[in-house]
Amino acid sequence: MISVKNLVKYYGSFPALKGISFSVKKGEILGFLGPNAAGKTTTMRIITGFIPPTSGEVKVGEWDVFENPMEVKKMVGYLPENPLIYPEMRVKDYLYFVAEIKGVPRKERKKRVEEAMEKTGVTEVAHRLLGHISRGYKQRVGLAQAIVHDPPVLVLDEPTLGLDPKQIKEIRELIKSWKGERTIILSSHILPEVEMTSDRVVIIDKGEIKAEDTPENLSKRITRSHRFHLKVKNFPPVNSEKIKKIEGIKNIEVSITNSLTILEVETELGKDLREDIFHTIVKNGGIILEFRPVGISLEDVFLRLTTRE
């Protein structure tokens, strides 16, 4: 549905994008991650036709973004990081205005506007001025304008910015409900949100793609050890030294919570030491209440790939 090939963008002599390529399948949700100034917003603006590239090719469906920009704009709903709204307009009037300029037929506008308001939770502020609503509601209105023309493709730059935890959950569930129905590129600094929402992830840094895969596969590719979390009763922290003596143990972190000993154990990759750890604890009088593997998070992957020395 979306194809990006050898995309280059210079701002003066500064290379914001250095020939990146990736694609998004129809109905797929792609998480687009990177630190500040990595090239995320530039890429999104190019895909949506807001700015031209220096070179490269971008297609949405069968349409080339630069040769057929109006056809692409009909297919794409775009939520920029800072949505463009008019503070002197009322929410509902603004959405009618957006629906009109996006080519929604007059007879369908009322239905589309009401559906967009309902899905994004702004119906209760429909008659308030945009300049008088909260940051969270402005973000929701920005999302409503992105979907008011019912586009098959959504490009969302920080869609949960400024929302409270309840609102974040609601927007996350809304985005997940579109899986298979809409093709979505989602940029966010809230990495757990991306991990819970996206089918695949692209990590970009300094204008270059550093990794592209599912969150699970990225974790596997970058993992250099096995990690386990244990909650143990009747096991003084000093006994952790006996676990350290097991061949293949790389590190142990010990803490006390509610009179229980919490162990974070790291073992060498390729060695299954769970049985040895279990018997060592039991042999020394410990009662294991919890023993589970801990996978590397998307946040860990992101930091390892983008942290600058």
Protein backbone atom coordinates (compact mmCIF):
# COMPACT_ATOMS: atom_id res chain seq x y z
CA MET A 1 0.00 0.00 0.00
CA ILE A 2 2.91 2.36 0.80
CA SER A 3 6.27 2.07 -0.91
CA VAL A 4 9.29 4.25 -0.09
CA LYS A 5 12.43 3.79 -2.22
CA ASN A 6 15.81 5.48 -1.85
CA LEU A 7 14.31 8.56 -0.23
CA VAL A 8 16.77 11.45 0.19
CA LYS A 9 16.09 14.85 1.69
CA TYR A 10 18.54 17.72 2.21
CA TYR A 11 17.85 20.90 4.13
CA GLY A 12 20.58 23.06 2.69
CA SER A 13 23.70 20.95 3.15
CA PHE A 14 22.19 18.88 5.98
CA PRO A 15 21.10 15.33 4.98
CA ALA A 16 17.87 14.67 6.88
CA LEU A 17 17.26 11.41 4.97
CA LYS A 18 20.04 9.34 3.42
CA GLY A 19 18.32 7.05 0.94
CA ILE A 20 15.85 5.16 3.12
CA SER A 21 13.57 2.42 1.79
CA PHE A 22 10.67 0.55 3.40
CA SER A 23 7.13 -0.55 2.64
CA VAL A 24 3.83 -0.97 4.46
CA LYS A 25 1.38 -3.69 3.49
CA LYS A 26 -2.33 -3.10 3.11
CA GLY A 27 -4.03 -3.22 6.51
CA GLU A 28 -0.73 -3.22 8.40
CA ILE A 29 0.18 -0.96 11.33
CA LEU A 30 3.81 0.17 11.13
CA GLY A 31 5.52 1.74 14.13
CA PHE A 32 7.98 4.44 13.04
CA LEU A 33 10.53 5.19 15.74
CA GLY A 34 13.58 7.38 16.16
CA PRO A 35 15.10 10.00 18.46
CA ASN A 36 14.66 13.72 17.83
CA ALA A 37 16.04 14.86 14.45
CA ALA A 38 16.19 11.25 13.22
CA GLY A 39 14.09 11.98 10.11
CA LYS A 40 10.67 10.67 11.22
CA THR A 41 8.63 13.81 10.68
CA THR A 42 10.45 14.61 7.42
CA THR A 43 9.54 11.15 6.10
CA MET A 44 5.92 11.55 7.10
CA ARG A 45 5.66 14.97 5.49
CA ILE A 46 7.07 13.60 2.25
CA ILE A 47 4.72 10.59 2.23
CA THR A 48 1.72 12.88 2.71
CA GLY A 49 2.89 15.33 0.03
CA PHE A 50 3.51 18.26 2.38
CA ILE A 51 7.13 18.67 1.29
CA PRO A 52 9.09 17.34 -1.70
CA PRO A 53 12.13 15.06 -1.42
CA THR A 54 15.52 15.78 -2.87
CA SER A 55 15.32 12.43 -4.64
CA GLY A 56 13.65 9.04 -4.36
CA GLU A 57 10.21 7.55 -4.93
CA VAL A 58 7.11 7.30 -2.77
CA LYS A 59 3.89 5.56 -3.81
CA VAL A 60 0.59 5.24 -1.99
CA GLY A 61 -1.41 2.52 -3.64
CA GLU A 62 -0.85 2.93 -7.37
CA TRP A 63 -0.23 6.69 -7.14
CA ASP A 64 3.12 8.43 -7.10
CA VAL A 65 3.06 11.08 -4.37
CA PHE A 66 4.80 13.68 -6.54
CA GLU A 67 3.19 12.97 -9.89
CA ASN A 68 -0.36 12.56 -8.55
CA PRO A 69 -0.47 14.49 -5.25
CA MET A 70 -4.24 15.12 -5.26
CA GLU A 71 -5.03 11.42 -5.71
CA VAL A 72 -2.71 10.60 -2.82
CA LYS A 73 -4.28 13.22 -0.55
CA LYS A 74 -7.68 11.60 -1.12
CA MET A 75 -6.27 8.32 0.18
CA VAL A 76 -4.32 9.63 3.17
CA GLY A 77 -5.37 11.02 6.53
CA TYR A 78 -2.54 12.90 8.22
CA LEU A 79 -2.18 13.86 11.86
CA PRO A 80 0.91 16.07 12.25
CA GLU A 81 2.68 16.36 15.59
CA ASN A 82 1.12 19.81 16.04
CA PRO A 83 -2.30 19.71 14.32
CA LEU A 84 -3.26 22.82 12.37
CA ILE A 85 -6.49 24.11 13.87
CA TYR A 86 -8.25 27.47 13.83
CA PRO A 87 -8.89 28.67 17.40
CA GLU A 88 -11.78 30.92 16.38
CA MET A 89 -13.75 28.00 14.86
CA ARG A 90 -16.02 25.63 16.72
CA VAL A 91 -15.06 21.96 16.70
CA LYS A 92 -17.97 20.75 14.58
CA ASP A 93 -17.69 23.65 12.12
CA TYR A 94 -13.99 22.98 11.73
CA LEU A 95 -14.61 19.32 10.90
CA TYR A 96 -17.30 20.28 8.36
CA PHE A 97 -14.77 22.67 6.82
CA VAL A 98 -12.11 19.95 6.64
CA ALA A 99 -14.60 17.47 5.17
CA GLU A 100 -15.47 19.98 2.45
CA ILE A 101 -11.89 20.74 1.44
CA LYS A 102 -11.11 17.01 1.45
CA GLY A 103 -13.87 16.43 -1.07
CA VAL A 104 -16.47 14.65 1.06
CA PRO A 105 -19.78 14.90 -0.86
CA ARG A 106 -22.26 17.32 0.77
CA LYS A 107 -24.84 14.59 1.41
CA GLU A 108 -22.27 12.51 3.32
CA ARG A 109 -20.65 15.26 5.42
CA LYS A 110 -23.02 15.15 8.39
CA LYS A 111 -22.56 11.38 8.77
CA ARG A 112 -18.78 11.50 8.34
CA VAL A 113 -18.33 14.38 10.80
CA GLU A 114 -20.51 12.76 13.44
CA GLU A 115 -18.74 9.40 13.04
CA ALA A 116 -15.31 11.05 13.31
CA MET A 117 -16.36 12.96 16.45
CA GLU A 118 -17.83 9.86 18.06
CA LYS A 119 -14.79 7.66 17.33
CA THR A 120 -12.34 10.22 18.69
CA GLY A 121 -14.45 11.25 21.68
CA VAL A 122 -15.00 14.94 20.88
CA THR A 123 -18.79 14.95 20.54
CA GLU A 124 -19.22 16.59 23.96
CA VAL A 125 -17.12 19.59 22.87
CA ALA A 126 -18.60 19.83 19.36
CA HIS A 127 -19.91 23.37 19.89
CA ARG A 128 -16.93 24.79 21.77
CA LEU A 129 -14.28 27.02 20.21
CA LEU A 130 -11.07 25.22 19.34
CA GLY A 131 -9.13 27.89 21.19
CA HIS A 132 -11.01 27.07 24.40
CA ILE A 133 -10.52 23.30 24.60
CA SER A 134 -7.70 21.41 26.29
CA ARG A 135 -4.52 20.12 24.66
CA GLY A 136 -5.90 16.57 24.84
CA TYR A 137 -9.12 17.53 23.05
CA LYS A 138 -7.17 19.44 20.40
CA GLN A 139 -5.18 16.28 19.73
CA ARG A 140 -8.42 14.31 19.42
CA VAL A 141 -9.83 16.90 17.00
CA GLY A 142 -6.61 16.52 14.98
CA LEU A 143 -7.24 12.79 14.78
CA ALA A 144 -10.89 13.41 13.83
CA GLN A 145 -9.86 15.61 10.89
CA ALA A 146 -7.47 12.88 9.74
CA ILE A 147 -10.29 10.32 9.46
CA VAL A 148 -13.25 12.52 8.47
CA HIS A 149 -12.93 11.62 4.77
CA ASP A 150 -12.63 7.90 5.63
CA PRO A 151 -9.16 7.38 4.10
CA PRO A 152 -7.65 3.89 3.63
CA VAL A 153 -4.22 5.18 4.79
CA LEU A 154 -3.39 7.04 8.01
CA VAL A 155 -0.10 8.73 8.87
CA LEU A 156 -0.14 9.58 12.58
CA ASP A 157 2.66 11.60 14.16
CA GLU A 158 2.41 11.32 17.98
CA PRO A 159 -1.37 10.62 18.07
CA THR A 160 -1.49 10.34 21.89
CA LEU A 161 0.57 13.45 22.63
CA GLY A 162 -0.97 15.42 25.49
CA LEU A 163 -3.57 12.80 26.40
CA ASP A 164 -4.15 11.36 29.87
CA PRO A 165 -3.77 7.59 30.51
CA LYS A 166 -7.47 6.88 29.95
CA GLN A 167 -7.51 8.82 26.69
CA ILE A 168 -4.28 7.11 25.55
CA LYS A 169 -5.88 3.72 26.09
CA GLU A 170 -8.99 4.75 24.17
CA ILE A 171 -6.99 6.06 21.19
CA ARG A 172 -4.77 2.98 21.24
CA GLU A 173 -7.80 0.71 21.10
CA LEU A 174 -9.25 2.82 18.28
CA ILE A 175 -6.05 2.50 16.25
CA LYS A 176 -5.90 -1.25 16.90
CA SER A 177 -9.52 -1.56 15.74
CA TRP A 178 -8.43 -0.28 12.32
CA LYS A 179 -5.95 -3.13 11.82
CA GLY A 180 -6.71 -4.84 8.52
CA GLU A 181 -9.11 -2.05 7.60
CA ARG A 182 -6.65 0.83 7.25
CA THR A 183 -2.93 1.00 6.51
CA ILE A 184 -1.27 3.00 9.29
CA ILE A 185 2.13 4.55 9.94
CA LEU A 186 2.36 5.44 13.61
CA SER A 187 5.09 7.54 15.17
CA SER A 188 5.29 7.81 18.95
CA HIS A 189 7.77 8.41 21.76
CA ILE A 190 5.67 6.15 24.00
CA LEU A 191 7.41 2.90 23.10
CA PRO A 192 5.02 0.55 24.97
CA GLU A 193 2.20 2.06 22.89
CA VAL A 194 4.02 1.19 19.67
CA GLU A 195 4.84 -2.28 20.97
CA MET A 196 1.18 -2.96 21.85
CA THR A 197 -0.20 -1.51 18.60
CA SER A 198 2.19 -2.18 15.71
CA ASP A 199 2.63 -5.25 13.51
CA ARG A 200 6.12 -4.13 12.48
CA VAL A 201 8.58 -1.48 13.54
CA VAL A 202 11.04 0.68 11.60
CA ILE A 203 13.75 2.35 13.69
CA ILE A 204 15.42 5.36 12.05
CA ASP A 205 18.39 7.38 13.30
CA LYS A 206 20.41 10.16 11.65
CA GLY A 207 18.41 9.73 8.44
CA GLU A 208 19.15 6.01 8.12
CA ILE A 209 17.10 2.92 8.91
CA LYS A 210 18.76 0.95 11.70
CA ALA A 211 16.28 -1.92 11.96
CA GLU A 212 13.00 -3.16 10.49
CA ASP A 213 11.05 -6.16 11.81
CA THR A 214 8.33 -7.22 14.20
CA PRO A 215 8.86 -6.13 17.83
CA GLU A 216 9.35 -9.78 18.80
CA ASN A 217 11.98 -10.45 16.13
CA LEU A 218 13.85 -7.24 16.93
CA SER A 219 14.07 -8.37 20.53
CA LYS A 220 15.43 -11.77 19.51
CA ARG A 221 18.00 -10.27 17.13
CA ILE A 222 19.50 -7.97 19.74
CA THR A 223 19.32 -10.29 22.76
CA ARG A 224 22.75 -11.34 24.05
CA SER A 225 21.57 -13.30 27.11
CA HIS A 226 18.60 -14.91 28.82
CA ARG A 227 16.97 -13.03 31.67
CA PHE A 228 14.71 -14.30 34.44
CA HIS A 229 12.68 -12.70 37.21
CA LEU A 230 12.28 -14.65 40.46
CA LYS A 231 10.29 -13.94 43.61
CA VAL A 232 11.53 -16.13 46.49
CA LYS A 233 10.47 -16.63 50.11
CA ASN A 234 12.88 -17.66 52.92
CA PHE A 235 15.92 -16.86 50.80
CA PRO A 236 18.26 -14.23 52.33
CA PRO A 237 20.02 -12.03 49.75
CA VAL A 238 23.39 -13.46 50.81
CA ASN A 239 22.32 -16.80 49.33
CA SER A 240 22.36 -15.26 45.87
CA GLU A 241 26.12 -15.82 45.92
CA LYS A 242 25.43 -19.56 45.62
CA ILE A 243 23.48 -18.92 42.41
CA LYS A 244 26.36 -16.85 41.06
CA LYS A 245 28.60 -19.92 41.30
CA ILE A 246 26.51 -21.76 38.68
CA GLU A 247 28.49 -21.92 35.45
CA GLY A 248 26.87 -19.68 32.83
CA ILE A 249 25.41 -17.09 35.22
CA LYS A 250 26.39 -13.63 33.95
CA ASN A 251 24.76 -11.34 36.52
CA ILE A 252 22.30 -11.21 39.43
CA GLU A 253 20.48 -8.21 40.83
CA VAL A 254 18.92 -8.66 44.28
CA SER A 255 16.29 -6.60 46.09
CA ILE A 256 13.83 -7.03 48.97
CA THR A 257 10.11 -6.32 48.59
CA ASN A 258 7.55 -7.12 51.29
CA SER A 259 9.98 -9.56 52.97
CA LEU A 260 10.45 -11.42 49.69
CA THR A 261 13.75 -11.67 47.83
CA ILE A 262 13.51 -10.50 44.22
CA LEU A 263 16.15 -11.86 41.85
CA GLU A 264 16.87 -10.62 38.33
CA VAL A 265 19.12 -13.29 36.84
CA GLU A 266 21.01 -13.01 33.55
CA THR A 267 22.46 -16.16 31.97
CA GLU A 268 24.61 -16.87 28.92
CA LEU A 269 22.76 -17.13 25.63
CA GLY A 270 22.20 -20.72 24.52
CA LYS A 271 22.36 -22.23 28.02
CA ASP A 272 19.19 -23.32 29.83
CA LEU A 273 20.06 -22.93 33.51
CA ARG A 274 16.54 -22.84 34.91
CA GLU A 275 16.77 -26.28 36.50
CA ASP A 276 20.11 -25.47 38.13
CA ILE A 277 18.77 -22.18 39.50
CA PHE A 278 15.61 -23.90 40.79
CA HIS A 279 17.50 -26.67 42.63
CA THR A 280 20.00 -24.23 44.14
CA ILE A 281 17.25 -22.13 45.65
CA VAL A 282 15.25 -25.09 46.97
CA LYS A 283 18.37 -26.78 48.37
CA ASN A 284 19.04 -23.66 50.42
CA GLY A 285 15.53 -23.48 51.89
CA GLY A 286 13.99 -21.03 49.45
CA ILE A 287 10.36 -21.23 48.32
CA ILE A 288 9.91 -20.04 44.73
CA LEU A 289 6.72 -18.03 44.29
CA GLU A 290 7.49 -16.74 40.79
CA PHE A 291 9.98 -17.76 38.12
CA ARG A 292 9.50 -16.28 34.65
CA PRO A 293 11.58 -15.26 31.64
CA VAL A 294 11.97 -11.57 30.90
CA GLY A 295 12.13 -10.58 27.24
CA ILE A 296 14.04 -7.55 26.02
CA SER A 297 11.60 -4.69 25.47
CA LEU A 298 11.22 -2.51 22.41
CA GLU A 299 12.58 0.31 24.55
CA ASP A 300 15.79 -1.70 25.12
CA VAL A 301 16.10 -2.35 21.38
CA PHE A 302 15.49 1.32 20.58
CA LEU A 303 18.10 2.53 23.06
CA ARG A 304 20.75 0.04 21.91
CA LEU A 305 20.28 1.03 18.27
CA THR A 306 20.06 4.80 18.70
CA THR A 307 22.05 5.75 21.81
CA ARG A 308 24.92 7.98 20.85
CA GLU A 309 28.26 7.57 22.53
